[in-house]
Amino acid sequence: MTTKIINIREYRNNITTLWKEARKNNVKYIVLVHSKPAFEVKPIDDDFTLEEADVVPTASEIKAYRRAMADYKKNKKNFTDGRKFMQDLIKKKNA
């Protein structure tokens, strides 16, 4: 994998070209903001799946989970396991 260093202006102006080149030629870009590395852009493997990614729930999903837990504590009806609940939310988000 080739690594190229670019500034944020170049990244903003050429984002489409850059991600296509990254994918086609296996290039990783280090993007600088005020001459300091801020983030990197690199291609994802063709066999990548979202299940492999670290998916972080959104604030609304966390609130929904907390509401469900509060409902469970009040009355234990219609309760789903907390892990399954979060997995279902993540699946809905990624669908």
PDB file of N, CA and C in Angstrom:
ATOM      1  N   MET A   1       0.849  -1.180   0.000  1.00  0.00           N
ATOM      2  CA  MET A   1       0.000   0.000   0.000  1.00  0.00           C
ATOM      3  C   MET A   1       0.890   1.238   0.000  1.00  0.00           C
ATOM      4  N   THR A   2       0.587   2.144  -0.902  1.00  0.00           N
ATOM      5  CA  THR A   2       1.300   3.415  -0.997  1.00  0.00           C
ATOM      6  C   THR A   2       0.633   4.422  -0.070  1.00  0.00           C
ATOM      7  N   THR A   3       1.432   5.250   0.589  1.00  0.00           N
ATOM      8  CA  THR A   3       0.895   6.296   1.457  1.00  0.00           C
ATOM      9  C   THR A   3       1.238   7.653   0.875  1.00  0.00           C
ATOM     10  N   LYS A   4       0.217   8.506   0.788  1.00  0.00           N
ATOM     11  CA  LYS A   4       0.420   9.871   0.308  1.00  0.00           C
ATOM     12  C   LYS A   4      -0.086  10.836   1.371  1.00  0.00           C
ATOM     13  N   ILE A   5       0.595  11.956   1.513  1.00  0.00           N
ATOM     14  CA  ILE A   5       0.197  12.979   2.469  1.00  0.00           C
ATOM     15  C   ILE A   5      -0.398  14.150   1.696  1.00  0.00           C
ATOM     16  N   ILE A   6      -1.609  14.558   2.108  1.00  0.00           N
ATOM     17  CA  ILE A   6      -2.293  15.676   1.452  1.00  0.00           C
ATOM     18  C   ILE A   6      -2.853  16.611   2.523  1.00  0.00           C
ATOM     19  N   ASN A   7      -3.151  17.843   2.120  1.00  0.00           N
ATOM     20  CA  ASN A   7      -3.761  18.764   3.082  1.00  0.00           C
ATOM     21  C   ASN A   7      -5.282  18.704   2.958  1.00  0.00           C
ATOM     22  N   ILE A   8      -5.944  19.277   3.930  1.00  0.00           N
ATOM     23  CA  ILE A   8      -7.403  19.203   3.994  1.00  0.00           C
ATOM     24  C   ILE A   8      -8.069  19.881   2.794  1.00  0.00           C
ATOM     25  N   ARG A   9      -7.477  20.936   2.288  1.00  0.00           N
ATOM     26  CA  ARG A   9      -8.057  21.622   1.127  1.00  0.00           C
ATOM     27  C   ARG A   9      -8.061  20.694  -0.087  1.00  0.00           C
ATOM     28  N   GLU A  10      -6.941  20.026  -0.316  1.00  0.00           N
ATOM     29  CA  GLU A  10      -6.875  19.089  -1.439  1.00  0.00           C
ATOM     30  C   GLU A  10      -7.895  17.965  -1.251  1.00  0.00           C
ATOM     31  N   TYR A  11      -8.022  17.484  -0.026  1.00  0.00           N
ATOM     32  CA  TYR A  11      -8.990  16.429   0.261  1.00  0.00           C
ATOM     33  C   TYR A  11     -10.414  16.893  -0.059  1.00  0.00           C
ATOM     34  N   ARG A  12     -10.782  18.069   0.414  1.00  0.00           N
ATOM     35  CA  ARG A  12     -12.131  18.597   0.166  1.00  0.00           C
ATOM     36  C   ARG A  12     -12.395  18.815  -1.321  1.00  0.00           C
ATOM     37  N   ASN A  13     -11.404  19.340  -2.019  1.00  0.00           N
ATOM     38  CA  ASN A  13     -11.589  19.657  -3.437  1.00  0.00           C
ATOM     39  C   ASN A  13     -11.616  18.427  -4.332  1.00  0.00           C
ATOM     40  N   ASN A  14     -10.993  17.342  -3.888  1.00  0.00           N
ATOM     41  CA  ASN A  14     -10.834  16.174  -4.759  1.00  0.00           C
ATOM     42  C   ASN A  14     -11.310  14.880  -4.114  1.00  0.00           C
ATOM     43  N   ILE A  15     -12.272  14.939  -3.235  1.00  0.00           N
ATOM     44  CA  ILE A  15     -12.658  13.757  -2.465  1.00  0.00           C
ATOM     45  C   ILE A  15     -13.067  12.579  -3.352  1.00  0.00           C
ATOM     46  N   THR A  16     -13.832  12.831  -4.398  1.00  0.00           N
ATOM     47  CA  THR A  16     -14.269  11.739  -5.270  1.00  0.00           C
ATOM     48  C   THR A  16     -13.093  11.099  -5.985  1.00  0.00           C
ATOM     49  N   THR A  17     -12.235  11.916  -6.543  1.00  0.00           N
ATOM     50  CA  THR A  17     -11.055  11.398  -7.236  1.00  0.00           C
ATOM     51  C   THR A  17     -10.159  10.620  -6.281  1.00  0.00           C
ATOM     52  N   LEU A  18      -9.994  11.137  -5.073  1.00  0.00           N
ATOM     53  CA  LEU A  18      -9.101  10.503  -4.101  1.00  0.00           C
ATOM     54  C   LEU A  18      -9.608   9.137  -3.659  1.00  0.00           C
ATOM     55  N   TRP A  19     -10.897   9.020  -3.354  1.00  0.00           N
ATOM     56  CA  TRP A  19     -11.355   7.713  -2.897  1.00  0.00           C
ATOM     57  C   TRP A  19     -11.325   6.693  -4.029  1.00  0.00           C
ATOM     58  N   LYS A  20     -11.584   7.156  -5.257  1.00  0.00           N
ATOM     59  CA  LYS A  20     -11.502   6.228  -6.391  1.00  0.00           C
ATOM     60  C   LYS A  20     -10.071   5.759  -6.606  1.00  0.00           C
ATOM     61  N   GLU A  21      -9.116   6.692  -6.512  1.00  0.00           N
ATOM     62  CA  GLU A  21      -7.704   6.317  -6.662  1.00  0.00           C
ATOM     63  C   GLU A  21      -7.268   5.408  -5.519  1.00  0.00           C
ATOM     64  N   ALA A  22      -7.723   5.704  -4.309  1.00  0.00           N
ATOM     65  CA  ALA A  22      -7.376   4.868  -3.159  1.00  0.00           C
ATOM     66  C   ALA A  22      -7.843   3.435  -3.390  1.00  0.00           C
ATOM     67  N   ARG A  23      -9.041   3.295  -3.888  1.00  0.00           N
ATOM     68  CA  ARG A  23      -9.599   1.963  -4.129  1.00  0.00           C
ATOM     69  C   ARG A  23      -8.892   1.259  -5.290  1.00  0.00           C
ATOM     70  N   LYS A  24      -8.691   1.982  -6.390  1.00  0.00           N
ATOM     71  CA  LYS A  24      -8.110   1.386  -7.597  1.00  0.00           C
ATOM     72  C   LYS A  24      -6.641   1.018  -7.415  1.00  0.00           C
ATOM     73  N   ASN A  25      -5.859   1.925  -6.800  1.00  0.00           N
ATOM     74  CA  ASN A  25      -4.404   1.741  -6.718  1.00  0.00           C
ATOM     75  C   ASN A  25      -3.908   1.385  -5.323  1.00  0.00           C
ATOM     76  N   ASN A  26      -4.827   1.076  -4.402  1.00  0.00           N
ATOM     77  CA  ASN A  26      -4.470   0.709  -3.036  1.00  0.00           C
ATOM     78  C   ASN A  26      -3.591   1.779  -2.379  1.00  0.00           C
ATOM     79  N   VAL A  27      -4.114   3.003  -2.340  1.00  0.00           N
ATOM     80  CA  VAL A  27      -3.387   4.150  -1.786  1.00  0.00           C
ATOM     81  C   VAL A  27      -4.039   4.570  -0.472  1.00  0.00           C
ATOM     82  N   LYS A  28      -3.217   4.863   0.516  1.00  0.00           N
ATOM     83  CA  LYS A  28      -3.702   5.413   1.787  1.00  0.00           C
ATOM     84  C   LYS A  28      -3.302   6.872   1.839  1.00  0.00           C
ATOM     85  N   TYR A  29      -4.253   7.733   2.205  1.00  0.00           N
ATOM     86  CA  TYR A  29      -3.980   9.166   2.322  1.00  0.00           C
ATOM     87  C   TYR A  29      -3.969   9.565   3.787  1.00  0.00           C
ATOM     88  N   ILE A  30      -2.944  10.301   4.180  1.00  0.00           N
ATOM     89  CA  ILE A  30      -2.905  10.948   5.484  1.00  0.00           C
ATOM     90  C   ILE A  30      -3.286  12.400   5.226  1.00  0.00           C
ATOM     91  N   VAL A  31      -4.359  12.859   5.866  1.00  0.00           N
ATOM     92  CA  VAL A  31      -4.856  14.217   5.636  1.00  0.00           C
ATOM     93  C   VAL A  31      -4.384  15.116   6.775  1.00  0.00           C
ATOM     94  N   LEU A  32      -3.738  16.223   6.388  1.00  0.00           N
ATOM     95  CA  LEU A  32      -3.200  17.170   7.354  1.00  0.00           C
ATOM     96  C   LEU A  32      -4.133  18.360   7.525  1.00  0.00           C
ATOM     97  N   VAL A  33      -4.286  18.792   8.765  1.00  0.00           N
ATOM     98  CA  VAL A  33      -5.005  20.024   9.090  1.00  0.00           C
ATOM     99  C   VAL A  33      -4.028  20.875   9.885  1.00  0.00           C
ATOM    100  N   HIS A  34      -3.717  22.056   9.365  1.00  0.00           N
ATOM    101  CA  HIS A  34      -2.707  22.938   9.977  1.00  0.00           C
ATOM    102  C   HIS A  34      -1.383  22.196  10.176  1.00  0.00           C
ATOM    103  N   SER A  35      -0.986  21.464   9.158  1.00  0.00           N
ATOM    104  CA  SER A  35       0.286  20.731   9.111  1.00  0.00           C
ATOM    105  C   SER A  35       0.390  19.598  10.122  1.00  0.00           C
ATOM    106  N   LYS A  36      -0.733  19.149  10.663  1.00  0.00           N
ATOM    107  CA  LYS A  36      -0.732  18.026  11.604  1.00  0.00           C
ATOM    108  C   LYS A  36      -1.663  16.943  11.079  1.00  0.00           C
ATOM    109  N   PRO A  37      -1.268  15.682  11.197  1.00  0.00           N
ATOM    110  CA  PRO A  37      -2.140  14.599  10.737  1.00  0.00           C
ATOM    111  C   PRO A  37      -3.471  14.617  11.489  1.00  0.00           C
ATOM    112  N   ALA A  38      -4.568  14.577  10.737  1.00  0.00           N
ATOM    113  CA  ALA A  38      -5.896  14.605  11.348  1.00  0.00           C
ATOM    114  C   ALA A  38      -6.618  13.263  11.192  1.00  0.00           C
ATOM    115  N   PHE A  39      -6.525  12.677  10.008  1.00  0.00           N
ATOM    116  CA  PHE A  39      -7.165  11.390   9.767  1.00  0.00           C
ATOM    117  C   PHE A  39      -6.566  10.757   8.526  1.00  0.00           C
ATOM    118  N   GLU A  40      -6.924   9.497   8.309  1.00  0.00           N
ATOM    119  CA  GLU A  40      -6.442   8.806   7.120  1.00  0.00           C
ATOM    120  C   GLU A  40      -7.615   8.275   6.316  1.00  0.00           C
ATOM    121  N   VAL A  41      -7.395   8.179   5.033  1.00  0.00           N
ATOM    122  CA  VAL A  41      -8.376   7.623   4.109  1.00  0.00           C
ATOM    123  C   VAL A  41      -7.694   6.443   3.447  1.00  0.00           C
ATOM    124  N   LYS A  42      -8.315   5.282   3.568  1.00  0.00           N
ATOM    125  CA  LYS A  42      -7.725   4.099   2.945  1.00  0.00           C
ATOM    126  C   LYS A  42      -8.832   3.207   2.417  1.00  0.00           C
ATOM    127  N   PRO A  43      -8.529   2.399   1.423  1.00  0.00           N
ATOM    128  CA  PRO A  43      -9.558   1.547   0.824  1.00  0.00           C
ATOM    129  C   PRO A  43      -9.965   0.421   1.767  1.00  0.00           C
ATOM    130  N   ILE A  44     -11.199  -0.012   1.603  1.00  0.00           N
ATOM    131  CA  ILE A  44     -11.719  -1.147   2.360  1.00  0.00           C
ATOM    132  C   ILE A  44     -11.616  -2.374   1.468  1.00  0.00           C
ATOM    133  N   ASP A  45     -11.250  -3.499   2.063  1.00  0.00           N
ATOM    134  CA  ASP A  45     -11.155  -4.746   1.310  1.00  0.00           C
ATOM    135  C   ASP A  45     -12.502  -5.109   0.700  1.00  0.00           C
ATOM    136  N   ASP A  46     -12.464  -5.818  -0.428  1.00  0.00           N
ATOM    137  CA  ASP A  46     -13.696  -6.220  -1.103  1.00  0.00           C
ATOM    138  C   ASP A  46     -14.544  -7.164  -0.254  1.00  0.00           C
ATOM    139  N   ASP A  47     -13.907  -7.928   0.638  1.00  0.00           N
ATOM    140  CA  ASP A  47     -14.649  -8.883   1.457  1.00  0.00           C
ATOM    141  C   ASP A  47     -15.094  -8.300   2.803  1.00  0.00           C
ATOM    142  N   PHE A  48     -14.982  -6.985   2.958  1.00  0.00           N
ATOM    143  CA  PHE A  48     -15.381  -6.317   4.199  1.00  0.00           C
ATOM    144  C   PHE A  48     -16.887  -6.397   4.389  1.00  0.00           C
ATOM    145  N   THR A  49     -17.318  -6.666   5.609  1.00  0.00           N
ATOM    146  CA  THR A  49     -18.737  -6.637   5.942  1.00  0.00           C
ATOM    147  C   THR A  49     -18.934  -5.733   7.155  1.00  0.00           C
ATOM    148  N   LEU A  50     -20.110  -5.147   7.260  1.00  0.00           N
ATOM    149  CA  LEU A  50     -20.395  -4.262   8.389  1.00  0.00           C
ATOM    150  C   LEU A  50     -20.352  -4.997   9.717  1.00  0.00           C
ATOM    151  N   GLU A  51     -20.596  -6.303   9.701  1.00  0.00           N
ATOM    152  CA  GLU A  51     -20.552  -7.066  10.940  1.00  0.00           C
ATOM    153  C   GLU A  51     -19.151  -7.047  11.547  1.00  0.00           C
ATOM    154  N   GLU A  52     -18.125  -6.872  10.705  1.00  0.00           N
ATOM    155  CA  GLU A  52     -16.745  -6.820  11.189  1.00  0.00           C
ATOM    156  C   GLU A  52     -16.413  -5.463  11.796  1.00  0.00           C
ATOM    157  N   ALA A  53     -17.166  -4.445  11.454  1.00  0.00           N
ATOM    158  CA  ALA A  53     -16.866  -3.084  11.897  1.00  0.00           C
ATOM    159  C   ALA A  53     -17.294  -2.886  13.345  1.00  0.00           C
ATOM    160  N   ASP A  54     -16.608  -1.987  14.011  1.00  0.00           N
ATOM    161  CA  ASP A  54     -17.030  -1.582  15.347  1.00  0.00           C
ATOM    162  C   ASP A  54     -18.126  -0.542  15.165  1.00  0.00           C
ATOM    163  N   VAL A  55     -19.361  -0.974  15.352  1.00  0.00           N
ATOM    164  CA  VAL A  55     -20.501  -0.088  15.157  1.00  0.00           C
ATOM    165  C   VAL A  55     -20.891   0.486  16.509  1.00  0.00           C
ATOM    166  N   VAL A  56     -20.928   1.780  16.585  1.00  0.00           N
ATOM    167  CA  VAL A  56     -21.275   2.465  17.829  1.00  0.00           C
ATOM    168  C   VAL A  56     -22.718   2.937  17.732  1.00  0.00           C
ATOM    169  N   PRO A  57     -23.535   2.615  18.734  1.00  0.00           N
ATOM    170  CA  PRO A  57     -24.925   3.060  18.669  1.00  0.00           C
ATOM    171  C   PRO A  57     -25.039   4.577  18.759  1.00  0.00           C
ATOM    172  N   THR A  58     -26.072   5.108  18.122  1.00  0.00           N
ATOM    173  CA  THR A  58     -26.308   6.553  18.159  1.00  0.00           C
ATOM    174  C   THR A  58     -26.935   6.937  19.493  1.00  0.00           C
ATOM    175  N   ALA A  59     -26.993   8.232  19.751  1.00  0.00           N
ATOM    176  CA  ALA A  59     -27.597   8.725  20.990  1.00  0.00           C
ATOM    177  C   ALA A  59     -29.053   8.287  21.097  1.00  0.00           C
ATOM    178  N   SER A  60     -29.781   8.325  19.984  1.00  0.00           N
ATOM    179  CA  SER A  60     -31.195   7.921  20.021  1.00  0.00           C
ATOM    180  C   SER A  60     -31.330   6.426  20.308  1.00  0.00           C
ATOM    181  N   GLU A  61     -30.411   5.615  19.814  1.00  0.00           N
ATOM    182  CA  GLU A  61     -30.452   4.183  20.104  1.00  0.00           C
ATOM    183  C   GLU A  61     -30.143   3.914  21.575  1.00  0.00           C
ATOM    184  N   ILE A  62     -29.218   4.667  22.133  1.00  0.00           N
ATOM    185  CA  ILE A  62     -28.896   4.514  23.552  1.00  0.00           C
ATOM    186  C   ILE A  62     -30.090   4.924  24.406  1.00  0.00           C
ATOM    187  N   LYS A  63     -30.756   6.026  24.024  1.00  0.00           N
ATOM    188  CA  LYS A  63     -31.952   6.461  24.756  1.00  0.00           C
ATOM    189  C   LYS A  63     -33.041   5.392  24.689  1.00  0.00           C
ATOM    190  N   ALA A  64     -33.226   4.796  23.515  1.00  0.00           N
ATOM    191  CA  ALA A  64     -34.233   3.746  23.362  1.00  0.00           C
ATOM    192  C   ALA A  64     -33.895   2.552  24.248  1.00  0.00           C
ATOM    193  N   TYR A  65     -32.630   2.213  24.308  1.00  0.00           N
ATOM    194  CA  TYR A  65     -32.185   1.110  25.160  1.00  0.00           C
ATOM    195  C   TYR A  65     -32.466   1.433  26.626  1.00  0.00           C
ATOM    196  N   ARG A  66     -32.159   2.647  27.040  1.00  0.00           N
ATOM    197  CA  ARG A  66     -32.395   3.045  28.436  1.00  0.00           C
ATOM    198  C   ARG A  66     -33.891   3.035  28.764  1.00  0.00           C
ATOM    199  N   ARG A  67     -34.720   3.481  27.808  1.00  0.00           N
ATOM    200  CA  ARG A  67     -36.173   3.435  28.023  1.00  0.00           C
ATOM    201  C   ARG A  67     -36.644   1.993  28.185  1.00  0.00           C
ATOM    202  N   ALA A  68     -36.113   1.116  27.356  1.00  0.00           N
ATOM    203  CA  ALA A  68     -36.489  -0.293  27.434  1.00  0.00           C
ATOM    204  C   ALA A  68     -36.073  -0.885  28.778  1.00  0.00           C
ATOM    205  N   MET A  69     -34.892  -0.522  29.254  1.00  0.00           N
ATOM    206  CA  MET A  69     -34.433  -1.029  30.548  1.00  0.00           C
ATOM    207  C   MET A  69     -35.312  -0.491  31.678  1.00  0.00           C
ATOM    208  N   ALA A  70     -35.713   0.779  31.584  1.00  0.00           N
ATOM    209  CA  ALA A  70     -36.596   1.364  32.596  1.00  0.00           C
ATOM    210  C   ALA A  70     -37.952   0.661  32.584  1.00  0.00           C
ATOM    211  N   ASP A  71     -38.477   0.383  31.387  1.00  0.00           N
ATOM    212  CA  ASP A  71     -39.741  -0.343  31.275  1.00  0.00           C
ATOM    213  C   ASP A  71     -39.622  -1.732  31.890  1.00  0.00           C
ATOM    214  N   TYR A  72     -38.501  -2.351  31.666  1.00  0.00           N
ATOM    215  CA  TYR A  72     -38.270  -3.685  32.218  1.00  0.00           C
ATOM    216  C   TYR A  72     -38.294  -3.646  33.742  1.00  0.00           C
ATOM    217  N   LYS A  73     -37.656  -2.635  34.306  1.00  0.00           N
ATOM    218  CA  LYS A  73     -37.615  -2.540  35.765  1.00  0.00           C
ATOM    219  C   LYS A  73     -39.007  -2.296  36.347  1.00  0.00           C
ATOM    220  N   LYS A  74     -39.848  -1.550  35.608  1.00  0.00           N
ATOM    221  CA  LYS A  74     -41.212  -1.281  36.078  1.00  0.00           C
ATOM    222  C   LYS A  74     -42.072  -2.538  36.012  1.00  0.00           C
ATOM    223  N   ASN A  75     -42.122  -3.130  34.866  1.00  0.00           N
ATOM    224  CA  ASN A  75     -42.871  -4.374  34.692  1.00  0.00           C
ATOM    225  C   ASN A  75     -42.094  -5.237  33.719  1.00  0.00           C
ATOM    226  N   LYS A  76     -41.901  -6.449  34.069  1.00  0.00           N
ATOM    227  CA  LYS A  76     -41.007  -7.312  33.304  1.00  0.00           C
ATOM    228  C   LYS A  76     -41.705  -7.951  32.099  1.00  0.00           C
ATOM    229  N   LYS A  77     -42.700  -7.265  31.557  1.00  0.00           N
ATOM    230  CA  LYS A  77     -43.409  -7.768  30.379  1.00  0.00           C
ATOM    231  C   LYS A  77     -42.696  -7.299  29.113  1.00  0.00           C
ATOM    232  N   ASN A  78     -42.815  -8.085  28.074  1.00  0.00           N
ATOM    233  CA  ASN A  78     -42.303  -7.719  26.750  1.00  0.00           C
ATOM    234  C   ASN A  78     -40.843  -7.282  26.777  1.00  0.00           C
ATOM    235  N   PHE A  79     -40.049  -7.951  27.566  1.00  0.00           N
ATOM    236  CA  PHE A  79     -38.636  -7.581  27.666  1.00  0.00           C
ATOM    237  C   PHE A  79     -37.808  -8.448  26.732  1.00  0.00           C
ATOM    238  N   THR A  80     -36.905  -7.811  26.018  1.00  0.00           N
ATOM    239  CA  THR A  80     -35.933  -8.549  25.220  1.00  0.00           C
ATOM    240  C   THR A  80     -34.571  -8.361  25.857  1.00  0.00           C
ATOM    241  N   ASP A  81     -33.731  -9.332  25.702  1.00  0.00           N
ATOM    242  CA  ASP A  81     -32.373  -9.256  26.247  1.00  0.00           C
ATOM    243  C   ASP A  81     -31.687  -7.988  25.747  1.00  0.00           C
ATOM    244  N   GLY A  82     -30.988  -7.284  26.609  1.00  0.00           N
ATOM    245  CA  GLY A  82     -30.356  -6.009  26.259  1.00  0.00           C
ATOM    246  C   GLY A  82     -29.403  -6.114  25.085  1.00  0.00           C
ATOM    247  N   ARG A  83     -28.600  -7.180  25.045  1.00  0.00           N
ATOM    248  CA  ARG A  83     -27.660  -7.337  23.929  1.00  0.00           C
ATOM    249  C   ARG A  83     -28.404  -7.546  22.619  1.00  0.00           C
ATOM    250  N   LYS A  84     -29.437  -8.376  22.668  1.00  0.00           N
ATOM    251  CA  LYS A  84     -30.220  -8.620  21.458  1.00  0.00           C
ATOM    252  C   LYS A  84     -30.904  -7.331  21.006  1.00  0.00           C
ATOM    253  N   PHE A  85     -31.394  -6.562  21.955  1.00  0.00           N
ATOM    254  CA  PHE A  85     -32.037  -5.286  21.646  1.00  0.00           C
ATOM    255  C   PHE A  85     -31.077  -4.375  20.887  1.00  0.00           C
ATOM    256  N   MET A  86     -29.849  -4.240  21.371  1.00  0.00           N
ATOM    257  CA  MET A  86     -28.861  -3.380  20.718  1.00  0.00           C
ATOM    258  C   MET A  86     -28.474  -3.942  19.347  1.00  0.00           C
ATOM    259  N   GLN A  87     -28.337  -5.256  19.248  1.00  0.00           N
ATOM    260  CA  GLN A  87     -28.002  -5.861  17.959  1.00  0.00           C
ATOM    261  C   GLN A  87     -29.098  -5.590  16.937  1.00  0.00           C
ATOM    262  N   ASP A  88     -30.351  -5.688  17.375  1.00  0.00           N
ATOM    263  CA  ASP A  88     -31.470  -5.409  16.470  1.00  0.00           C
ATOM    264  C   ASP A  88     -31.463  -3.952  16.019  1.00  0.00           C
ATOM    265  N   LEU A  89     -31.157  -3.033  16.946  1.00  0.00           N
ATOM    266  CA  LEU A  89     -31.079  -1.620  16.572  1.00  0.00           C
ATOM    267  C   LEU A  89     -29.981  -1.387  15.545  1.00  0.00           C
ATOM    268  N   ILE A  90     -28.840  -2.020  15.754  1.00  0.00           N
ATOM    269  CA  ILE A  90     -27.717  -1.856  14.826  1.00  0.00           C
ATOM    270  C   ILE A  90     -28.077  -2.424  13.458  1.00  0.00           C
ATOM    271  N   LYS A  91     -28.741  -3.576  13.430  1.00  0.00           N
ATOM    272  CA  LYS A  91     -29.148  -4.167  12.152  1.00  0.00           C
ATOM    273  C   LYS A  91     -30.100  -3.239  11.406  1.00  0.00           C
ATOM    274  N   LYS A  92     -31.057  -2.645  12.139  1.00  0.00           N
ATOM    275  CA  LYS A  92     -31.996  -1.718  11.507  1.00  0.00           C
ATOM    276  C   LYS A  92     -31.260  -0.512  10.949  1.00  0.00           C
ATOM    277  N   LYS A  93     -30.286  -0.024  11.694  1.00  0.00           N
ATOM    278  CA  LYS A  93     -29.521   1.143  11.253  1.00  0.00           C
ATOM    279  C   LYS A  93     -28.749   0.837   9.978  1.00  0.00           C
ATOM    280  N   ASN A  94     -28.180  -0.356   9.894  1.00  0.00           N
ATOM    281  CA  ASN A  94     -27.336  -0.716   8.755  1.00  0.00           C
ATOM    282  C   ASN A  94     -28.132  -1.249   7.574  1.00  0.00           C
ATOM    283  N   ALA A  95     -29.424  -1.459   7.748  1.00  0.00           N
ATOM    284  CA  ALA A  95     -30.245  -2.010   6.653  1.00  0.00           C
ATOM    285  C   ALA A  95     -30.531  -0.957   5.612  1.00  0.00           C
TER     286      ALA A  95
END
